[in-house]
Amino acid sequence: MRRSSASLLPLIWIVIGVVVAATHHFFDHLTTIGAILSAVLAVILWPLILLGVKIAIVI
């Protein structure tokens, strides 16, 4: 039982990250590599976004 719940944790983390990133408009303008990388980081580091940290990669 413990093994299956542990494997769900990364999936839940990513799903929450996608929702948070979408509500903070990270997916609106994915036209540059910098915007795509910012969106990926926003999904992975979503708790920082909720704390008010601005994530932006400029290339």
Protein backbone atom coordinates (compact mmCIF):
# COMPACT_ATOMS: atom_id res chain seq x y z
CA MET A 1 0.00 0.00 0.00
CA ARG A 2 2.70 2.48 0.91
CA ARG A 3 4.47 2.05 -2.42
CA SER A 4 1.44 3.04 -4.53
CA SER A 5 0.70 6.14 -2.45
CA ALA A 6 4.35 7.23 -2.67
CA SER A 7 4.24 6.99 -6.46
CA LEU A 8 1.17 9.24 -6.56
CA LEU A 9 2.92 12.06 -4.76
CA PRO A 10 4.91 13.37 -7.78
CA LEU A 11 1.78 13.22 -9.93
CA ILE A 12 -0.22 15.20 -7.37
CA TRP A 13 2.65 17.73 -7.09
CA ILE A 14 2.65 18.26 -10.90
CA VAL A 15 -1.14 18.55 -11.11
CA ILE A 16 -1.21 21.18 -8.36
CA GLY A 17 1.71 22.95 -10.06
CA VAL A 18 -0.13 23.09 -13.39
CA VAL A 19 -3.22 24.53 -11.72
CA VAL A 20 -1.21 27.16 -9.81
CA ALA A 21 0.84 28.10 -12.89
CA ALA A 22 -2.30 28.37 -15.00
CA THR A 23 -4.05 30.60 -12.49
CA HIS A 24 -0.99 32.85 -12.42
CA HIS A 25 -0.99 33.11 -16.24
CA PHE A 26 2.26 31.26 -16.95
CA PHE A 27 0.70 29.44 -19.90
CA ASP A 28 -0.72 32.51 -21.66
CA HIS A 29 2.27 33.40 -23.87
CA LEU A 30 4.49 30.39 -24.51
CA THR A 31 6.19 31.83 -27.59
CA THR A 32 9.81 31.92 -26.41
CA ILE A 33 12.16 29.47 -24.76
CA GLY A 34 12.33 31.75 -21.72
CA ALA A 35 8.55 31.71 -21.31
CA ILE A 36 8.45 27.92 -21.66
CA LEU A 37 11.23 27.47 -19.09
CA SER A 38 9.47 29.88 -16.74
CA ALA A 39 6.26 27.85 -17.05
CA VAL A 40 8.10 24.60 -16.35
CA LEU A 41 9.79 26.10 -13.30
CA ALA A 42 6.46 27.50 -12.13
CA VAL A 43 4.94 24.01 -12.27
CA ILE A 44 7.83 22.48 -10.33
CA LEU A 45 8.28 25.31 -7.81
CA TRP A 46 4.61 26.18 -7.31
CA PRO A 47 4.86 26.75 -3.52
CA LEU A 48 7.19 29.68 -4.19
CA ILE A 49 4.62 31.22 -6.53
CA LEU A 50 2.02 31.02 -3.78
CA LEU A 51 4.47 32.86 -1.52
CA GLY A 52 4.75 35.69 -4.04
CA VAL A 53 8.07 34.86 -5.71
CA LYS A 54 8.19 35.98 -9.34
CA ILE A 55 9.70 33.38 -11.68
CA ALA A 56 10.88 34.68 -15.03
CA ILE A 57 13.65 33.42 -17.28
CA VAL A 58 14.87 35.91 -19.84
CA ILE A 59 16.91 34.52 -22.71
